[in-house]
Protein backbone atom coordinates (compact mmCIF):
# COMPACT_ATOMS: atom_id res chain seq x y z
CA MET A 1 -10.22 16.04 -27.19
CA LYS A 2 -6.89 17.17 -25.87
CA TYR A 3 -3.60 15.39 -25.27
CA ALA A 4 -0.90 16.37 -22.81
CA VAL A 5 2.29 14.33 -23.18
CA GLU A 6 6.05 14.64 -23.11
CA GLU A 7 6.48 14.98 -26.87
CA GLU A 8 10.02 13.61 -27.07
CA ASN A 9 8.90 10.24 -25.69
CA CYS A 10 8.44 7.92 -28.69
CA ALA A 11 6.16 5.68 -26.63
CA ASN A 12 3.67 8.51 -26.24
CA LYS A 13 3.56 9.03 -30.00
CA TYR A 14 2.81 5.34 -30.40
CA PHE A 15 0.08 5.47 -27.73
CA ALA A 16 -1.53 8.53 -29.33
CA LYS A 17 -1.71 6.81 -32.70
CA ARG A 18 -3.32 3.73 -31.19
CA LEU A 19 -5.82 5.76 -29.18
CA GLU A 20 -7.05 7.61 -32.24
CA VAL A 21 -9.29 4.64 -33.06
CA ALA A 22 -11.06 4.87 -29.70
CA LEU A 23 -11.29 8.65 -29.92
CA LYS A 24 -13.07 8.57 -33.26
CA LYS A 25 -15.86 6.52 -31.69
CA TYR A 26 -16.60 9.12 -29.01
CA GLU A 27 -19.35 11.52 -29.97
CA PRO A 28 -20.97 12.77 -26.75
CA ALA A 29 -24.62 11.98 -26.13
CA ALA A 30 -26.95 14.98 -26.24
CA TRP A 31 -28.36 14.52 -22.74
CA PRO A 32 -30.88 17.14 -21.48
CA PHE A 33 -29.25 20.43 -20.45
CA CYS A 34 -25.92 18.98 -21.64
CA ASN A 35 -23.89 19.75 -18.52
CA GLY A 36 -21.58 17.58 -16.45
CA ASP A 37 -24.21 16.93 -13.77
CA TRP A 38 -26.61 15.29 -16.21
CA ARG A 39 -23.82 13.45 -18.00
CA THR A 40 -22.87 12.00 -14.62
CA LEU A 41 -26.33 11.18 -13.32
CA LEU A 42 -28.33 9.91 -16.29
CA PRO A 43 -26.21 6.84 -17.14
CA PHE A 44 -26.70 5.53 -13.59
CA LEU A 45 -30.44 6.20 -13.76
CA LEU A 46 -31.07 4.79 -17.22
CA PHE A 47 -28.64 1.92 -17.67
CA LYS A 48 -29.34 -1.59 -16.43
CA VAL A 49 -26.92 -4.47 -16.11
CA LYS A 50 -26.91 -8.22 -15.60
CA ALA A 51 -24.55 -9.60 -13.01
CA VAL A 52 -21.44 -11.52 -13.99
CA GLN A 53 -20.10 -14.62 -12.29
CA TYR A 54 -17.09 -13.92 -10.12
CA GLU A 55 -14.78 -16.27 -8.32
CA ARG A 56 -14.03 -14.73 -4.92
CA TRP A 57 -10.53 -14.99 -3.53
CA TRP A 58 -9.83 -13.85 0.00
CA LEU A 59 -6.60 -11.94 0.27
CA ARG A 60 -4.58 -11.57 3.45
CA VAL A 61 -3.08 -8.08 3.56
CA PRO A 62 -0.91 -6.23 6.08
CA ALA A 63 -2.65 -3.76 8.35
CA CYS A 64 -0.23 -1.03 7.16
CA PRO A 65 -1.12 1.58 9.78
CA TYR A 66 -0.26 5.13 8.89
CA ARG A 67 3.19 6.12 10.19
CA PRO A 68 4.04 9.80 9.86
CA ASN A 69 7.59 10.23 8.64
CA LYS A 70 9.97 13.09 7.96
CA SER A 71 9.27 12.98 4.26
CA SER A 72 5.56 13.69 3.83
CA GLY A 73 6.00 13.13 0.12
CA ALA A 74 6.56 9.41 0.67
CA THR A 75 3.49 7.29 0.18
CA GLN A 76 2.78 4.93 3.04
CA GLY A 77 2.12 1.26 2.76
CA VAL A 78 2.86 -0.12 -0.68
CA ALA A 79 3.49 -3.79 -0.03
CA SER A 80 4.51 -6.90 -1.90
CA ALA A 81 2.46 -9.03 0.42
CA ALA A 82 1.39 -12.06 -1.57
CA GLN A 83 4.94 -13.38 -1.54
CA GLY A 84 4.89 -13.45 2.26
CA GLN A 85 7.04 -10.41 2.98
CA THR A 86 7.04 -9.92 6.73
CA GLU A 87 9.79 -7.49 7.59
CA ALA A 88 8.81 -3.90 8.20
CA GLU A 89 10.88 -1.44 6.24
CA GLU A 90 10.75 1.95 7.90
CA ASP A 91 12.92 3.78 5.36
CA PRO A 92 10.54 6.34 3.77
CA SER A 93 12.49 6.17 0.52
CA THR A 94 11.22 2.63 -0.12
CA PRO A 95 7.64 1.96 -1.21
CA PHE A 96 7.42 -1.31 0.70
CA GLN A 97 6.19 -1.37 4.26
CA ARG A 98 4.59 -4.12 6.31
CA SER A 99 3.92 -4.79 9.98
CA ILE A 100 5.16 -7.99 11.59
CA GLY A 101 2.81 -10.68 12.85
CA GLU A 102 -0.57 -12.00 11.80
CA ASN A 103 -2.34 -10.01 14.52
CA ASP A 104 -1.75 -6.95 12.38
CA ASP A 105 -3.22 -8.51 9.25
CA GLU A 106 -6.50 -7.62 7.58
CA ALA A 107 -8.46 -9.05 4.66
CA CYS A 108 -9.47 -7.81 1.24
CA ALA A 109 -11.24 -9.70 -1.52
CA LEU A 110 -10.51 -10.25 -5.18
CA ASP A 111 -13.55 -10.92 -7.35
CA ILE A 112 -12.14 -12.59 -10.45
CA ALA A 113 -13.89 -13.14 -13.78
CA TRP A 114 -12.18 -15.57 -16.14
CA PRO A 115 -12.61 -15.63 -19.92
CA ASN A 116 -13.54 -18.81 -21.76
CA GLU A 117 -9.98 -18.89 -23.01
CA LEU A 118 -7.16 -16.81 -21.54
CA ASN A 119 -5.42 -15.70 -24.73
CA ALA A 120 -5.12 -11.90 -24.58
CA LYS A 121 -1.90 -9.94 -24.27
CA CYS A 122 -3.00 -8.40 -21.01
CA SER A 123 -5.28 -8.96 -18.03
CA TYR A 124 -6.59 -6.32 -15.64
CA LEU A 125 -6.70 -5.44 -11.97
CA VAL A 126 -9.69 -3.11 -11.53
CA LEU A 127 -10.01 -0.63 -8.67
CA HIS A 128 -13.59 0.51 -8.10
CA GLY A 129 -15.01 3.83 -6.92
CA LEU A 130 -15.41 5.16 -3.39
CA ASN A 131 -18.61 3.36 -2.40
CA GLY A 132 -18.47 0.77 -5.12
CA GLY A 133 -17.48 -2.83 -5.72
CA SER A 134 -17.46 -5.54 -8.36
CA ASP A 135 -21.19 -5.00 -8.92
CA ASP A 136 -20.80 -1.43 -10.21
CA MET A 137 -22.34 -1.19 -13.68
CA TYR A 138 -19.27 0.31 -15.36
CA VAL A 139 -17.07 -2.35 -13.72
CA ILE A 140 -19.34 -5.12 -15.03
CA ASP A 141 -19.29 -3.58 -18.51
CA PHE A 142 -15.48 -3.51 -18.39
CA VAL A 143 -15.35 -7.12 -17.19
CA ARG A 144 -17.62 -8.32 -20.02
CA GLU A 145 -15.60 -6.51 -22.68
CA ALA A 146 -12.24 -7.68 -21.34
CA ASN A 147 -13.43 -11.27 -20.94
CA ALA A 148 -14.75 -11.23 -24.51
CA LYS A 149 -11.26 -10.26 -25.66
CA GLY A 150 -9.66 -13.14 -23.73
CA SER A 151 -8.51 -11.21 -20.66
CA ALA A 152 -8.97 -12.13 -17.02
CA VAL A 153 -10.19 -9.39 -14.68
CA ALA A 154 -9.70 -9.16 -10.93
CA VAL A 155 -11.65 -6.52 -9.00
CA LEU A 156 -10.07 -5.50 -5.71
CA ILE A 157 -12.76 -5.01 -3.04
CA ASN A 158 -11.70 -2.37 -0.54
CA ARG A 159 -11.62 -3.16 3.16
CA GLY A 160 -15.05 -3.02 4.76
CA LEU A 161 -17.05 -3.21 1.51
CA MET A 162 -19.05 -6.12 0.07
CA HIS A 163 -18.81 -8.19 3.26
CA THR A 164 -15.05 -7.83 3.74
CA PRO A 165 -14.13 -7.63 7.44
CA VAL A 166 -12.20 -4.98 9.35
CA ARG A 167 -10.38 -6.08 12.51
CA GLY A 168 -8.81 -2.87 13.79
CA SER A 169 -9.78 0.80 13.73
CA LYS A 170 -6.42 1.93 12.31
CA SER A 171 -6.85 -0.62 9.52
CA ILE A 172 -10.02 0.83 8.03
CA PHE A 173 -9.93 1.77 4.37
CA HIS A 174 -8.35 5.07 3.46
CA GLY A 175 -7.21 6.48 0.16
CA ALA A 176 -3.54 6.84 1.06
CA ARG A 177 -2.94 3.14 1.69
CA THR A 178 -1.68 1.42 -1.43
CA CYS A 179 -0.39 -1.83 0.09
CA ASP A 180 -3.65 -3.60 -0.77
CA VAL A 181 -3.11 -2.81 -4.45
CA GLY A 182 0.40 -4.28 -4.27
CA ALA A 183 -0.85 -7.41 -2.52
CA ALA A 184 -3.68 -7.87 -5.04
CA LEU A 185 -1.32 -7.39 -7.97
CA ASP A 186 1.09 -10.00 -6.59
CA ALA A 187 -1.68 -12.52 -5.91
CA PHE A 188 -3.21 -12.05 -9.36
CA ARG A 189 0.21 -12.47 -10.95
CA LEU A 190 0.73 -15.74 -9.08
CA ALA A 191 -2.49 -17.01 -10.64
CA LEU A 192 -1.63 -15.85 -14.17
CA GLY A 193 2.10 -16.54 -14.27
CA ASP A 194 5.12 -14.26 -14.17
CA ASN A 195 5.15 -13.64 -17.92
CA HIS A 196 1.56 -12.44 -18.16
CA ASN A 197 1.02 -8.68 -18.49
CA ILE A 198 -1.30 -6.97 -16.01
CA ALA A 199 -2.63 -3.43 -16.27
CA ILE A 200 -4.29 -1.53 -13.43
CA VAL A 201 -7.54 0.27 -14.26
CA GLY A 202 -8.90 2.63 -11.61
CA TRP A 203 -12.26 4.39 -11.71
CA SER A 204 -12.75 7.58 -9.66
CA MET A 205 -11.35 6.77 -6.19
CA GLY A 206 -9.76 3.72 -7.78
CA GLY A 207 -7.94 6.06 -10.15
CA ILE A 208 -6.47 7.90 -7.17
CA LEU A 209 -5.25 4.59 -5.74
CA ALA A 210 -3.89 3.39 -9.08
CA THR A 211 -1.80 6.49 -9.75
CA ASN A 212 -0.57 6.69 -6.17
CA PHE A 213 0.51 3.04 -6.28
CA VAL A 214 2.50 3.17 -9.52
CA VAL A 215 4.22 6.39 -8.47
CA ALA A 216 5.13 5.07 -5.02
CA ALA A 217 6.29 1.71 -6.34
CA GLY A 218 8.26 3.18 -9.23
CA SER A 219 10.22 0.52 -11.09
CA LYS A 220 8.85 -2.13 -8.70
CA ALA A 221 5.22 -1.55 -9.71
CA ASN A 222 5.26 -4.81 -11.72
CA CYS A 223 2.45 -3.81 -14.10
CA ILE A 224 2.51 -3.07 -17.82
CA ALA A 225 0.44 0.12 -17.52
CA ALA A 226 -1.99 2.01 -15.31
CA ILE A 227 -5.15 3.84 -16.34
CA SER A 228 -6.96 6.41 -14.21
CA ILE A 229 -10.53 7.23 -15.26
CA CYS A 230 -11.87 10.36 -13.53
CA GLY A 231 -9.36 10.08 -10.70
CA ALA A 232 -7.10 12.75 -9.22
CA LEU A 233 -3.35 13.25 -9.09
CA SER A 234 -3.67 15.97 -6.44
CA SER A 235 -6.61 15.55 -4.09
CA THR A 236 -5.54 18.66 -2.16
CA THR A 237 -6.72 20.69 -5.17
CA ILE A 238 -10.30 19.60 -4.42
CA LEU A 239 -10.06 21.52 -1.15
CA GLN A 240 -9.61 24.73 -3.15
CA LYS A 241 -12.29 26.69 -5.02
CA TYR A 242 -12.34 24.09 -7.82
CA GLY A 243 -14.16 21.68 -5.52
CA ASP A 244 -16.92 24.08 -4.47
CA ARG A 245 -19.56 22.70 -6.85
CA SER A 246 -18.74 19.14 -5.83
CA ARG A 247 -19.17 20.03 -2.16
CA LYS A 248 -22.41 21.96 -2.68
CA LEU A 249 -24.19 19.49 -4.98
CA TRP A 250 -22.62 16.02 -5.02
CA GLN A 251 -20.86 15.33 -1.76
CA LEU A 252 -23.94 15.09 0.44
CA PRO A 253 -25.17 11.84 -1.20
CA LEU A 254 -21.58 10.57 -1.43
CA THR A 255 -21.06 11.22 2.29
CA THR A 256 -24.38 9.61 3.18
CA ASN A 257 -23.27 6.46 1.36
CA LEU A 258 -19.88 6.61 3.09
CA LYS A 259 -21.61 6.54 6.46
CA LYS A 260 -23.72 3.58 5.37
CA SER A 261 -20.92 1.59 3.74
CA PHE A 262 -17.92 2.26 5.99
CA LEU A 263 -19.13 3.67 9.30
CA ALA A 264 -22.37 1.84 10.06
CA PRO A 265 -21.08 -1.76 9.60
CA ASN A 266 -17.99 -1.13 11.74
CA ILE A 267 -19.05 1.36 14.39
CA ARG A 268 -19.65 -1.25 17.09
CA LYS A 269 -16.28 -2.86 16.44
CA LEU A 270 -14.51 0.48 16.41
CA LYS A 271 -16.21 1.49 19.63
CA LEU A 272 -15.08 -1.71 21.35
CA LYS A 273 -11.51 -1.35 20.14
CA ASP A 274 -11.15 2.37 20.81
CA GLN A 275 -12.19 3.03 24.37
CA GLY A 276 -11.97 6.66 25.32
CA ASN A 277 -13.55 9.79 23.95
CA PHE A 278 -13.96 8.81 20.31
CA PHE A 279 -17.58 7.87 20.72
CA ASP A 280 -18.82 10.49 23.15
CA GLN A 281 -21.81 12.54 22.11
CA LYS A 282 -19.66 15.38 20.83
CA TYR A 283 -17.80 13.10 18.45
CA LEU A 284 -20.96 11.37 17.21
CA THR A 285 -22.47 14.79 16.54
CA SER A 286 -19.45 15.82 14.49
CA LEU A 287 -19.85 12.66 12.38
CA GLN A 288 -23.56 13.24 11.93
CA ASN A 289 -22.90 16.82 10.85
CA ALA A 290 -20.33 15.80 8.25
CA HIS A 291 -22.12 16.49 4.96
CA THR A 292 -19.10 16.62 2.66
CA VAL A 293 -16.46 14.00 1.93
CA ASP A 294 -13.66 16.17 3.29
CA ALA A 295 -15.60 16.79 6.53
CA PHE A 296 -16.19 13.04 6.87
CA ASP A 297 -12.53 12.30 6.16
CA LYS A 298 -11.46 14.79 8.80
CA ALA A 299 -13.88 13.50 11.43
CA PHE A 300 -13.59 9.77 10.73
CA VAL A 301 -10.50 8.80 8.71
CA CYS A 302 -8.05 11.25 10.26
CA THR A 303 -9.30 10.46 13.77
CA PHE A 304 -8.99 6.69 13.54
CA VAL A 305 -6.09 6.29 11.13
CA GLY A 306 -3.96 8.98 12.73
CA PHE A 307 -3.40 11.62 10.07
CA PRO A 308 -2.64 14.85 11.95
CA THR A 309 -4.53 17.02 9.44
CA LEU A 310 -6.84 16.61 6.47
CA LEU A 311 -4.23 18.28 4.27
CA GLU A 312 -1.65 15.67 5.31
CA TYR A 313 -4.09 12.88 4.45
CA TYR A 314 -4.96 14.28 1.02
CA ASN A 315 -1.32 15.05 0.26
CA THR A 316 -0.30 11.51 1.17
CA MET A 317 -2.91 9.91 -1.09
CA SER A 318 -1.99 12.10 -4.08
CA ALA A 319 0.48 10.90 -6.69
CA ILE A 320 1.71 14.44 -7.28
CA GLY A 321 1.12 15.61 -3.72
CA ALA A 322 0.10 19.24 -3.48
CA ALA A 323 1.36 19.87 -7.04
CA ASP A 324 4.43 21.62 -5.64
CA SER A 325 8.13 20.90 -6.06
CA GLN A 326 8.01 18.07 -3.53
CA GLY A 327 5.01 16.51 -5.25
CA CYS A 328 6.69 16.72 -8.64
CA SER A 329 9.81 15.07 -7.25
CA ARG A 330 7.60 12.28 -6.00
CA PHE A 331 5.80 11.93 -9.34
CA ALA A 332 9.18 11.55 -11.05
CA HIS A 333 9.30 8.00 -9.63
CA LEU A 334 6.64 6.94 -12.18
CA LYS A 335 8.23 4.25 -14.38
CA CYS A 336 5.31 2.64 -16.22
CA PRO A 337 2.94 4.10 -18.85
CA LEU A 338 0.09 5.97 -17.19
CA LEU A 339 -3.09 7.15 -18.94
CA VAL A 340 -5.09 9.82 -17.12
CA LEU A 341 -8.55 10.19 -18.70
CA HIS A 342 -10.78 13.02 -17.52
CA ALA A 343 -13.66 15.23 -18.69
CA ASP A 344 -13.48 19.01 -18.38
CA ASP A 345 -17.07 19.12 -17.08
CA ASP A 346 -16.57 16.53 -14.31
CA PRO A 347 -18.66 17.93 -11.42
CA ILE A 348 -17.37 15.58 -8.70
CA ILE A 349 -13.61 15.50 -9.22
CA PRO A 350 -12.78 18.69 -11.17
CA HIS A 351 -10.27 18.34 -13.99
CA GLN A 352 -7.92 20.87 -12.34
CA VAL A 353 -6.80 18.13 -9.92
CA ASN A 354 -4.49 16.51 -12.49
CA HIS A 355 -1.96 19.25 -13.29
CA PRO A 356 -0.82 17.75 -16.61
CA ASP A 357 1.74 20.49 -17.34
CA LEU A 358 3.59 19.73 -14.11
CA ALA A 359 3.21 15.96 -14.40
CA ILE A 360 4.65 15.58 -17.91
CA LYS A 361 7.68 17.66 -16.91
CA ALA A 362 8.19 15.41 -13.89
CA SER A 363 7.80 12.08 -15.74
CA PRO A 364 7.81 11.17 -19.46
CA PHE A 365 5.59 8.16 -18.70
CA ALA A 366 2.44 10.24 -18.07
CA PHE A 367 -0.15 10.49 -20.85
CA PHE A 368 -3.16 12.78 -20.39
CA LEU A 369 -6.36 12.61 -22.40
CA SER A 370 -9.15 15.08 -21.68
CA THR A 371 -12.57 15.46 -23.28
CA LYS A 372 -14.61 18.64 -23.30
CA VAL A 373 -17.66 16.81 -21.95
CA GLY A 374 -18.28 13.48 -20.26
CA GLY A 375 -19.19 14.19 -16.64
CA HIS A 376 -17.87 11.96 -13.88
CA VAL A 377 -17.56 8.36 -15.11
CA GLY A 378 -20.11 9.18 -17.80
CA PHE A 379 -18.79 9.54 -21.36
CA SER A 380 -22.05 8.34 -22.94
CA THR A 381 -21.95 8.39 -26.73
CA LYS A 382 -24.39 10.01 -29.14
CA ASN A 383 -25.20 6.91 -31.16
CA SER A 384 -27.30 4.48 -29.09
CA PRO A 385 -26.15 5.57 -25.61
CA LEU A 386 -28.22 2.83 -23.98
CA LYS A 387 -26.28 0.29 -26.02
CA SER A 388 -22.79 1.78 -26.04
CA ARG A 389 -22.93 2.80 -22.36
CA TRP A 390 -19.34 3.17 -21.05
CA ALA A 391 -17.77 1.94 -24.29
CA PHE A 392 -15.49 4.96 -24.73
CA PRO A 393 -13.52 4.83 -21.44
CA ILE A 394 -13.44 1.03 -21.63
CA ASP A 395 -12.09 1.07 -25.20
CA ALA A 396 -9.55 3.75 -24.27
CA ALA A 397 -8.30 1.76 -21.28
CA ILE A 398 -8.00 -1.55 -23.15
CA THR A 399 -6.42 0.13 -26.17
CA PHE A 400 -3.82 1.90 -24.02
CA ALA A 401 -2.93 -1.29 -22.12
CA SER A 402 -2.67 -3.27 -25.36
CA ALA A 403 -0.47 -0.55 -26.88
CA ALA A 404 1.81 -0.69 -23.82
CA CYS A 405 2.16 -4.46 -24.29
CA ASP A 406 2.97 -4.09 -27.99
CA PHE A 407 5.44 -1.27 -27.41
CA LYS A 408 7.25 -3.32 -24.77
CA HIS A 409 7.44 -6.27 -27.16
CA GLN A 410 8.78 -4.07 -29.96
CA SER A 411 11.38 -2.58 -27.64
CA ILE A 412 12.58 -6.02 -26.55
CA SER A 413 12.69 -7.44 -30.07
């Protein structure tokens, strides 16, 4: 286990002490061949889960189309939408941006699981993985554990997944749009009350969204903490040599699921709304031949959303951009405690995407925890892996959020 923190920050010392309890519990399972591929795959093959009862809330969100601006380091589309904000703010220095008029609006869903008694210090907004939802096994495990501790959990369902509609082609889900996270956070806070602490927990793609949101929103993020589990601070790094194994081995099934979950349900609608050459045979062939996530993003997301290049898209959805001076300046806007949890043997999102040395210099609020093994959203433990399942990342996330609540209370008192 390795930490990377800004050592002068007393909060980080407090967080490290609290996390030691969770760390002591993590003894990696001795899966066959003991590499990141098996540690990623076997939990999803072997584990079973019973569904939990959710209360579905429909959430009206702004379309937030991508608008290129002079400052490519500014994240597009963080919105405080639940309060009814309707004025578009075009200034790239502000994280808030919303179109005017209900014709531009789209819909997301919040699947909420309530505890028997809401008595915990903190509740959670969960952001699922790329092709996931509230029925992901690790999400359900997190919900059960948090509910048992007296916390409410809201799972934000991305546009176009789990029967959520998409009205316009430029409003399809993409990883650089964080306004839905802001709208979900506001709506959840309305339900819980202004004084209730909420932490954001993002898994994989959800981790990318979580970090991008809190960095873009800065002091207006309105959450007690954020936790990224196997996410990425710089998605552009995946385009380099570090992402070669992911592209060769893992991205074909991921891309196949992307086509099934995002493209197939909406292709007729997109074709009707985008007359022209988008759906000629040449374009359909390019989509069919996209066998990696970056190829799919270039052919589908960039085409419909309007990103001029794949690099611009990945830079915009990255909390630290391209891990250059501009990206570090952007990351400096982080104003809430952030835990970035990653495994060194992650075969899907390589650990090099997080750039902890640069991040902790840019912001004292970043806290990095890396394990030597764990795979991608794996982290199975040696003792009774079928029973403990995703206990380590769940314990780490809840412990960090609870520590953030306690530290805030100590600071106030």
